[in-house]
Amino acid sequence: MVPALIAVHIVSIVVWIGGVVFVTTVVFPIIMRMDDSMEKVMFFQGTERRFASIAKASVVVAGVTGVLLLQIEHRWGVLFTWAGIGPTVMLLLWAMFVFMLLFESNIFNFLFGGTAQHDTKKIFRILTTAHWVVMLASLMVIAVGVYTTHIMLMR
């Protein structure tokens, strides 16, 4: 059962973070090249609407399989220790994404308020930067997770 859970866990993360990489490196550059503000907004909303359900499902699957793996392998005790740095940073990244996905519109309204309708170029520049930060953090977490898991396996 554990190998199947690991496989599902990893595939869900590939879909989730792969989507973040795609949006960051493909979708936002396309948006930034558009001149028409309404075209930018419509393209972003259409892309985001399609990807949001995929991202949410992937995050849920990653969370459920991650919890099951921690439970089955009796690894709860390593969280927030140096020995458990891999699962700890994965958990923190997952929690950040859950928060962002659950409160996405509230966060957007808090950050941009009424300016969203006035300066789309600025809004998309900020969103692009935020996506780069999130993407790079996600890739670093994956690297830490893979590295620490391979160290554990080699012992």
Protein backbone atom coordinates (compact mmCIF):
# COMPACT_ATOMS: atom_id res chain seq x y z
CA MET A 1 0.00 0.00 0.00
CA VAL A 2 2.83 2.42 0.79
CA PRO A 3 4.37 2.29 -2.72
CA ALA A 4 0.95 3.05 -4.25
CA LEU A 5 0.44 5.97 -1.85
CA ILE A 6 3.89 7.31 -2.66
CA ALA A 7 3.15 7.06 -6.40
CA VAL A 8 -0.19 8.87 -6.07
CA HIS A 9 1.43 11.46 -3.78
CA ILE A 10 4.22 12.20 -6.26
CA VAL A 11 1.91 12.31 -9.29
CA SER A 12 -0.39 14.78 -7.52
CA ILE A 13 2.61 16.99 -6.74
CA VAL A 14 3.87 16.78 -10.32
CA VAL A 15 0.46 17.93 -11.59
CA TRP A 16 0.15 20.65 -8.92
CA ILE A 17 3.64 22.16 -9.12
CA GLY A 18 3.85 21.47 -12.86
CA GLY A 19 0.76 23.65 -13.22
CA VAL A 20 2.39 26.39 -11.18
CA VAL A 21 5.48 26.21 -13.40
CA PHE A 22 3.30 26.33 -16.54
CA VAL A 23 1.28 29.32 -15.36
CA THR A 24 4.44 31.13 -14.24
CA THR A 25 6.63 30.47 -17.27
CA VAL A 26 4.04 30.30 -20.07
CA VAL A 27 0.73 31.94 -19.14
CA PHE A 28 2.03 35.07 -17.40
CA PRO A 29 4.56 35.93 -20.14
CA ILE A 30 1.74 35.69 -22.70
CA ILE A 31 -0.43 37.95 -20.55
CA MET A 32 2.37 40.47 -20.06
CA ARG A 33 2.78 40.80 -23.86
CA MET A 34 -0.91 41.66 -24.35
CA ASP A 35 -1.80 45.32 -24.77
CA ASP A 36 -5.52 45.29 -24.07
CA SER A 37 -6.34 45.25 -20.34
CA MET A 38 -9.66 43.48 -20.88
CA GLU A 39 -7.97 40.82 -23.01
CA LYS A 40 -5.45 40.24 -20.18
CA VAL A 41 -8.19 39.85 -17.61
CA MET A 42 -10.32 37.55 -19.78
CA PHE A 43 -7.35 35.33 -20.70
CA PHE A 44 -6.23 35.12 -17.07
CA GLN A 45 -9.72 34.36 -15.77
CA GLY A 46 -10.28 31.67 -18.41
CA THR A 47 -6.95 30.00 -17.68
CA GLU A 48 -7.31 30.33 -13.92
CA ARG A 49 -10.85 28.94 -13.95
CA ARG A 50 -9.70 25.80 -15.79
CA PHE A 51 -6.57 25.31 -13.70
CA ALA A 52 -8.10 26.10 -10.28
CA SER A 53 -10.09 22.86 -10.03
CA ILE A 54 -7.08 20.80 -11.15
CA ALA A 55 -4.84 22.57 -8.62
CA LYS A 56 -7.35 22.16 -5.80
CA ALA A 57 -7.82 18.45 -6.51
CA SER A 58 -4.05 17.90 -6.71
CA VAL A 59 -3.46 19.75 -3.44
CA VAL A 60 -6.17 17.70 -1.69
CA VAL A 61 -4.74 14.42 -3.00
CA ALA A 62 -1.19 15.45 -2.00
CA GLY A 63 -2.42 16.36 1.48
CA VAL A 64 -4.43 13.19 2.04
CA THR A 65 -1.67 10.91 0.77
CA GLY A 66 0.94 12.84 2.75
CA VAL A 67 -1.02 12.43 5.98
CA LEU A 68 -1.61 8.74 5.27
CA LEU A 69 2.10 8.20 4.62
CA LEU A 70 3.05 9.98 7.85
CA GLN A 71 0.50 7.87 9.74
CA ILE A 72 1.35 4.50 8.20
CA GLU A 73 5.09 5.00 8.55
CA HIS A 74 4.80 6.48 12.07
CA ARG A 75 6.71 9.60 11.03
CA TRP A 76 4.72 12.31 12.82
CA GLY A 77 7.53 12.67 15.36
CA VAL A 78 10.06 13.85 12.77
CA LEU A 79 8.05 16.92 11.81
CA PHE A 80 9.74 20.16 12.83
CA THR A 81 13.04 18.42 13.54
CA TRP A 82 16.25 18.47 11.51
CA ALA A 83 15.75 14.79 10.63
CA GLY A 84 12.30 15.62 9.28
CA ILE A 85 13.20 18.74 7.31
CA GLY A 86 11.82 17.18 4.08
CA PRO A 87 8.31 16.40 5.32
CA THR A 88 8.26 19.62 7.36
CA VAL A 89 8.93 21.94 4.43
CA MET A 90 6.48 19.93 2.31
CA LEU A 91 3.81 20.36 4.97
CA LEU A 92 4.47 24.10 5.25
CA LEU A 93 4.32 24.57 1.47
CA TRP A 94 1.13 22.51 1.30
CA ALA A 95 -0.45 24.61 4.08
CA MET A 96 0.49 27.82 2.26
CA PHE A 97 -1.15 26.56 -0.95
CA VAL A 98 -4.28 25.43 0.88
CA PHE A 99 -4.56 28.88 2.44
CA MET A 100 -4.04 30.60 -0.93
CA LEU A 101 -6.54 28.37 -2.72
CA LEU A 102 -9.21 28.68 -0.03
CA PHE A 103 -8.91 32.45 0.35
CA GLU A 104 -7.76 33.40 -3.14
CA SER A 105 -10.41 36.07 -3.79
CA ASN A 106 -10.07 37.53 -0.28
CA ILE A 107 -6.30 37.76 -0.66
CA PHE A 108 -6.70 39.39 -4.08
CA ASN A 109 -9.19 41.94 -2.73
CA PHE A 110 -6.98 42.67 0.28
CA LEU A 111 -3.87 43.21 -1.84
CA PHE A 112 -5.40 45.12 -4.72
CA GLY A 113 -8.73 46.48 -3.53
CA GLY A 114 -10.14 48.94 -6.03
CA THR A 115 -6.91 49.28 -8.00
CA ALA A 116 -7.57 46.01 -9.84
CA GLN A 117 -9.86 47.81 -12.29
CA HIS A 118 -7.46 50.69 -12.90
CA ASP A 119 -3.94 49.39 -13.43
CA THR A 120 -3.95 45.87 -14.86
CA LYS A 121 -0.32 46.16 -15.96
CA LYS A 122 0.76 46.72 -12.34
CA ILE A 123 -1.53 43.96 -11.04
CA PHE A 124 -0.15 41.39 -13.48
CA ARG A 125 3.43 42.47 -12.78
CA ILE A 126 2.83 41.84 -9.06
CA LEU A 127 1.06 38.53 -9.77
CA THR A 128 3.91 37.44 -12.06
CA THR A 129 6.49 38.22 -9.38
CA ALA A 130 4.44 36.41 -6.73
CA HIS A 131 4.14 33.36 -8.99
CA TRP A 132 7.92 33.30 -9.55
CA VAL A 133 8.49 33.39 -5.78
CA VAL A 134 5.95 30.61 -5.18
CA MET A 135 7.31 28.52 -8.06
CA LEU A 136 10.94 28.82 -6.90
CA ALA A 137 9.96 28.02 -3.30
CA SER A 138 8.00 24.99 -4.52
CA LEU A 139 10.94 23.71 -6.57
CA MET A 140 13.28 24.19 -3.61
CA VAL A 141 10.89 22.21 -1.39
CA ILE A 142 10.78 19.42 -3.95
CA ALA A 143 14.59 19.40 -4.08
CA VAL A 144 14.84 19.24 -0.28
CA GLY A 145 12.23 16.47 -0.15
CA VAL A 146 13.95 14.37 -2.79
CA TYR A 147 17.41 14.97 -1.32
CA THR A 148 16.44 14.08 2.25
CA THR A 149 14.45 11.04 1.12
CA HIS A 150 17.41 9.70 -0.84
CA ILE A 151 19.74 10.29 2.12
CA MET A 152 17.35 8.28 4.32
CA LEU A 153 17.18 5.50 1.74
CA MET A 154 20.97 5.31 1.48
CA ARG A 155 21.44 4.79 5.23
